[in-house]
N, C-alpha and C. Protein backbone atom coordinates (compact mmCIF):
# COMPACT_ATOMS: atom_id res chain seq x y z
N UNK A 1 1.19 -1.06 0.15
CA UNK A 1 -0.26 -0.25 -0.01
C UNK A 1 0.91 1.05 0.16
N UNK A 2 2.38 1.45 0.53
CA UNK A 2 3.06 2.28 0.87
C UNK A 2 3.54 2.37 -0.22
N UNK A 3 3.83 1.69 -1.21
CA UNK A 3 4.66 1.17 -2.40
C UNK A 3 3.88 1.86 -3.53
N UNK A 4 2.54 2.07 -3.47
CA UNK A 4 1.82 2.01 -4.34
C UNK A 4 0.63 3.51 -3.94
N UNK A 5 1.87 4.32 -3.10
CA UNK A 5 0.97 5.35 -2.86
C UNK A 5 -0.32 5.55 -2.57
N UNK A 6 -1.38 4.34 -1.55
CA UNK A 6 -2.48 3.95 -1.54
C UNK A 6 -2.70 4.59 -0.12
N UNK A 7 -1.70 4.78 0.80
CA UNK A 7 -1.67 5.62 1.74
C UNK A 7 -0.45 6.88 2.14
N UNK A 8 -1.05 8.24 2.41
CA UNK A 8 -0.29 8.93 2.61
C UNK A 8 0.11 9.36 4.06
N UNK A 9 1.05 9.19 4.41
CA UNK A 9 1.92 9.77 5.78
C UNK A 9 1.55 10.53 6.91
N UNK A 10 1.32 11.91 6.17
CA UNK A 10 0.81 12.54 6.70
C UNK A 10 -0.59 12.25 7.17
N UNK A 11 -1.36 11.93 6.14
CA UNK A 11 -3.12 11.66 6.57
C UNK A 11 -3.00 10.04 7.83
N UNK A 12 -2.14 9.44 7.33
CA UNK A 12 -1.79 8.38 8.43
C UNK A 12 -1.80 9.01 10.06
N UNK A 13 -0.64 9.70 10.01
CA UNK A 13 -0.53 10.16 11.21
C UNK A 13 -1.73 10.94 12.07
N UNK A 14 -2.76 11.92 11.16
CA UNK A 14 -3.26 12.55 11.15
C UNK A 14 -4.60 11.69 12.41
N UNK A 15 -4.68 10.68 11.58
CA UNK A 15 -5.61 9.95 11.50
C UNK A 15 -5.52 9.10 12.97
N UNK A 16 -4.46 8.39 12.63
CA UNK A 16 -4.04 8.15 14.25
C UNK A 16 -4.07 8.86 15.50
N UNK A 17 -3.35 10.20 15.01
CA UNK A 17 -3.61 11.10 16.55
C UNK A 17 -5.23 11.48 16.71
N UNK A 18 -6.15 11.35 15.66
CA UNK A 18 -7.15 11.55 15.86
C UNK A 18 -8.31 10.65 17.10
N UNK A 19 -7.78 9.15 16.76
CA UNK A 19 -8.14 7.92 17.37
C UNK A 19 -7.50 8.13 18.84
N UNK A 20 -6.48 8.40 18.76
CA UNK A 20 -5.36 8.33 20.22
C UNK A 20 -5.78 8.27 21.55
N UNK A 21 -6.43 9.36 21.73
CA UNK A 21 -7.09 10.09 22.68
C UNK A 21 -8.21 9.05 23.32
N UNK A 22 -9.12 8.10 22.16
CA UNK A 22 -9.81 6.95 22.51
C UNK A 22 -9.56 5.84 22.85
N UNK A 23 -8.48 6.02 22.37
CA UNK A 23 -7.49 4.39 22.30
C UNK A 23 -8.09 3.09 23.86
N UNK A 24 -8.17 4.21 24.83
CA UNK A 24 -8.52 3.62 26.33
C UNK A 24 -10.24 2.79 26.59
N UNK A 25 -10.09 2.99 25.48
CA UNK A 25 -11.66 2.48 25.21
C UNK A 25 -11.56 0.75 25.33
N UNK A 26 -10.34 0.36 24.26
CA UNK A 26 -10.32 -0.57 23.99
C UNK A 26 -9.04 -1.21 24.79
N UNK A 27 -9.40 -2.14 26.15
CA UNK A 27 -8.23 -2.56 26.46
C UNK A 27 -7.31 -3.57 25.92
N UNK A 28 -7.33 -4.22 24.89
CA UNK A 28 -6.74 -5.38 24.29
C UNK A 28 -5.84 -4.40 23.55
N UNK A 29 -5.84 -2.93 23.48
CA UNK A 29 -4.68 -2.17 22.99
C UNK A 29 -4.27 -1.46 23.43
N UNK A 30 -2.50 -1.53 23.58
CA UNK A 30 -1.73 -0.23 24.52
C UNK A 30 -1.55 0.71 23.50
N UNK A 31 -1.90 1.95 24.16
CA UNK A 31 -1.77 3.15 23.07
C UNK A 31 -0.31 3.61 22.99
N UNK A 32 0.57 3.38 23.98
CA UNK A 32 1.89 3.61 23.63
C UNK A 32 2.68 2.62 22.10
N UNK A 33 1.91 1.24 22.69
CA UNK A 33 2.86 0.31 22.12
C UNK A 33 2.19 0.46 20.38
N UNK A 34 1.04 0.99 20.33
CA UNK A 34 0.51 1.24 19.21
C UNK A 34 1.01 2.17 18.14
N UNK A 35 0.75 3.43 18.79
CA UNK A 35 1.68 4.57 18.31
C UNK A 35 3.39 4.18 17.84
N UNK A 36 4.01 3.53 18.57
CA UNK A 36 5.21 2.85 18.22
C UNK A 36 5.43 1.90 16.82
N UNK A 37 4.70 1.18 16.81
CA UNK A 37 4.26 0.61 15.89
C UNK A 37 3.39 1.14 14.56
N UNK A 38 2.80 2.52 14.33
CA UNK A 38 2.45 3.37 13.13
C UNK A 38 3.61 4.15 12.66
N UNK A 39 4.09 4.24 13.79
CA UNK A 39 5.51 5.72 13.83
C UNK A 39 6.84 4.10 12.80
N UNK A 40 6.88 3.24 13.75
CA UNK A 40 8.03 1.93 12.89
C UNK A 40 7.53 1.97 11.53
N UNK A 41 5.95 1.56 10.63
CA UNK A 41 5.35 1.95 9.82
C UNK A 41 5.54 2.71 9.03
N UNK A 42 6.12 3.63 9.24
CA UNK A 42 5.97 4.68 8.30
C UNK A 42 7.64 4.82 8.11
N UNK A 43 8.53 4.85 9.20
CA UNK A 43 9.78 4.74 9.02
C UNK A 43 10.61 4.82 7.54
N UNK A 44 10.47 3.41 7.09
CA UNK A 44 11.04 3.84 5.57
C UNK A 44 10.17 4.53 4.56
N UNK A 45 9.25 5.08 5.12
CA UNK A 45 9.05 6.40 4.24
C UNK A 45 9.59 8.17 3.87
N UNK A 46 9.87 7.45 4.94
CA UNK A 46 10.92 8.91 5.22
C UNK A 46 11.84 9.19 4.14
């Protein structure tokens, strides 16, 4: 998806930041770990 430009880096970060404050509603998701995973997925795009 990244190689075909189907995902825009800035848009993905903006969408993640929009949902991040509400992640506490989902106990199976650890917000700091999820943030690290999103950032790690975007590193090759920089």
